[in-house]
Amino acid sequence: MMLMMFLALQTSTANSFSNVPESVMKTFKVMFPNAESISWEDNEEMFTAYFLEGEIEREALFDSEGKWLETSTVIEEESIPEKITAYVDSKYEVDSYESIIKVESPDKILYFLIFETEDDSYEIVVDENGKPVKE
């Protein structure tokens, strides 16, 4: 899901660095000095950078003043924190994960999990302590 969006944006010709304010670029470069394959999307009030750090897919959202709002990172099942795994395992018998996205913002960290069990598929959101936010 995220990979398809990332690749679509990489091939788009509408993602020009010239539309990104200097304040946003400065914050981005400080926070993500190793970013590669960068593309931008904007709606004049918000600016989203899609990029790679090594092989890790990320996207970062900034306001027009350059304030960082959040970063989303696609993670592997092995990278899910133990508290979250414990919660999920206590409620579900997961067969496979479709998508795991870690979303960091200045005041919280959330994990968006899409997975399948034998009977159904689920989309849940839990905080960094394994507490459900949305089921």
Protein backbone atom coordinates (compact mmCIF):
# COMPACT_ATOMS: atom_id res chain seq x y z
CA MET A 1 0.00 0.00 0.00
CA MET A 2 2.53 2.59 1.11
CA LEU A 3 5.08 1.27 -1.38
CA MET A 4 2.66 1.74 -4.26
CA MET A 5 1.96 5.31 -3.17
CA PHE A 6 5.69 5.93 -2.79
CA LEU A 7 6.50 4.59 -6.25
CA ALA A 8 3.65 6.54 -7.85
CA LEU A 9 4.95 9.74 -6.35
CA GLN A 10 8.49 8.95 -7.42
CA THR A 11 7.39 8.82 -11.03
CA SER A 12 5.22 11.92 -10.87
CA THR A 13 6.57 15.04 -12.54
CA ALA A 14 4.50 17.34 -10.30
CA ASN A 15 6.79 16.89 -7.28
CA SER A 16 9.14 19.81 -7.56
CA PHE A 17 11.47 20.98 -4.82
CA SER A 18 10.88 24.54 -6.02
CA ASN A 19 7.40 24.55 -4.46
CA VAL A 20 8.74 23.64 -1.02
CA PRO A 21 9.44 26.63 1.27
CA GLU A 22 13.01 27.07 2.48
CA SER A 23 11.88 26.67 6.11
CA VAL A 24 10.42 23.25 5.31
CA MET A 25 13.53 22.16 3.40
CA LYS A 26 15.78 23.28 6.25
CA THR A 27 13.83 21.32 8.87
CA PHE A 28 13.69 18.29 6.59
CA LYS A 29 17.45 18.30 5.95
CA VAL A 30 18.22 18.59 9.68
CA MET A 31 15.84 15.79 10.64
CA PHE A 32 16.62 13.45 7.74
CA PRO A 33 20.18 14.10 6.55
CA ASN A 34 20.44 10.64 4.96
CA ALA A 35 17.21 10.85 2.95
CA GLU A 36 17.35 9.64 -0.65
CA SER A 37 14.88 9.39 -3.53
CA ILE A 38 12.95 12.37 -2.17
CA SER A 39 9.70 13.57 -3.70
CA TRP A 40 7.29 16.19 -2.38
CA GLU A 41 3.56 16.69 -2.35
CA ASP A 42 1.93 19.89 -1.15
CA ASN A 43 -1.46 21.51 -0.71
CA GLU A 44 -0.04 25.00 0.05
CA GLU A 45 -0.56 24.53 3.80
CA MET A 46 1.07 21.14 4.31
CA PHE A 47 4.13 19.60 2.69
CA THR A 48 4.79 15.86 2.61
CA ALA A 49 8.18 14.39 1.76
CA TYR A 50 8.29 10.78 0.54
CA PHE A 51 11.76 9.29 0.81
CA LEU A 52 14.03 6.40 1.63
CA GLU A 53 16.57 6.12 4.42
CA GLY A 54 18.58 3.13 3.34
CA GLU A 55 15.86 0.65 2.42
CA ILE A 56 13.32 2.10 4.84
CA GLU A 57 10.31 3.88 3.32
CA ARG A 58 9.28 7.04 5.14
CA GLU A 59 7.12 10.07 4.74
CA ALA A 60 7.32 13.26 6.77
CA LEU A 61 4.68 15.96 7.07
CA PHE A 62 5.47 19.65 7.71
CA ASP A 63 3.40 22.80 7.93
CA SER A 64 4.16 25.78 5.69
CA GLU A 65 6.35 27.35 8.41
CA GLY A 66 8.62 24.30 8.49
CA LYS A 67 7.24 22.80 11.70
CA TRP A 68 7.50 19.01 11.70
CA LEU A 69 4.08 17.41 12.26
CA GLU A 70 4.66 13.68 11.86
CA THR A 71 6.72 10.94 10.26
CA SER A 72 5.35 7.63 8.99
CA THR A 73 7.63 4.64 8.58
CA VAL A 74 6.85 1.26 7.07
CA ILE A 75 8.23 -1.35 9.47
CA GLU A 76 8.64 -5.11 9.40
CA GLU A 77 6.90 -7.48 11.79
CA GLU A 78 10.18 -8.08 13.65
CA SER A 79 10.31 -4.35 14.50
CA ILE A 80 6.97 -4.22 16.30
CA PRO A 81 7.65 -3.36 19.96
CA GLU A 82 7.06 -6.15 22.46
CA LYS A 83 4.20 -4.32 24.26
CA ILE A 84 2.28 -4.07 21.01
CA THR A 85 2.95 -7.68 20.04
CA ALA A 86 1.75 -8.78 23.49
CA TYR A 87 -1.51 -6.86 23.08
CA VAL A 88 -2.17 -8.12 19.55
CA ASP A 89 -1.32 -11.71 20.51
CA SER A 90 -3.70 -11.53 23.49
CA LYS A 91 -6.64 -10.53 21.28
CA TYR A 92 -5.97 -12.06 17.86
CA GLU A 93 -4.40 -15.10 16.24
CA VAL A 94 -2.54 -13.29 13.47
CA ASP A 95 -1.80 -15.32 10.35
CA SER A 96 0.00 -12.53 8.51
CA TYR A 97 0.56 -8.79 8.53
CA GLU A 98 -0.37 -6.83 5.42
CA SER A 99 0.96 -3.49 6.59
CA ILE A 100 2.65 -2.06 9.68
CA ILE A 101 3.19 1.68 9.85
CA LYS A 102 4.77 3.56 12.74
CA VAL A 103 3.57 7.17 12.97
CA GLU A 104 5.62 9.52 15.14
CA SER A 105 4.45 13.02 16.05
CA PRO A 106 5.72 15.50 18.63
CA ASP A 107 3.37 14.19 21.33
CA LYS A 108 2.83 10.49 20.54
CA ILE A 109 3.78 7.38 18.62
CA LEU A 110 1.09 5.23 17.03
CA TYR A 111 1.22 1.94 15.15
CA PHE A 112 -1.25 1.22 12.35
CA LEU A 113 -1.54 -2.52 11.87
CA ILE A 114 -3.37 -4.33 9.10
CA PHE A 115 -3.40 -8.09 9.49
CA GLU A 116 -5.32 -11.25 8.77
CA THR A 117 -6.52 -14.00 11.03
CA GLU A 118 -7.98 -17.30 9.91
CA ASP A 119 -11.49 -15.76 9.91
CA ASP A 120 -11.10 -12.09 9.05
CA SER A 121 -8.83 -9.14 8.42
CA TYR A 122 -8.35 -6.25 10.83
CA GLU A 123 -7.11 -2.68 10.90
CA ILE A 124 -6.17 -1.47 14.36
CA VAL A 125 -4.27 1.45 15.82
CA VAL A 126 -2.34 1.13 19.09
CA ASP A 127 -0.10 3.51 20.96
CA GLU A 128 3.52 2.80 21.82
CA ASN A 129 2.45 1.09 25.06
CA GLY A 130 0.15 -1.36 23.28
CA LYS A 131 -3.03 0.47 24.30
CA PRO A 132 -5.69 0.36 21.56
CA VAL A 133 -6.64 3.67 20.00
CA LYS A 134 -8.90 2.27 17.26
CA GLU A 135 -10.10 -1.28 16.65
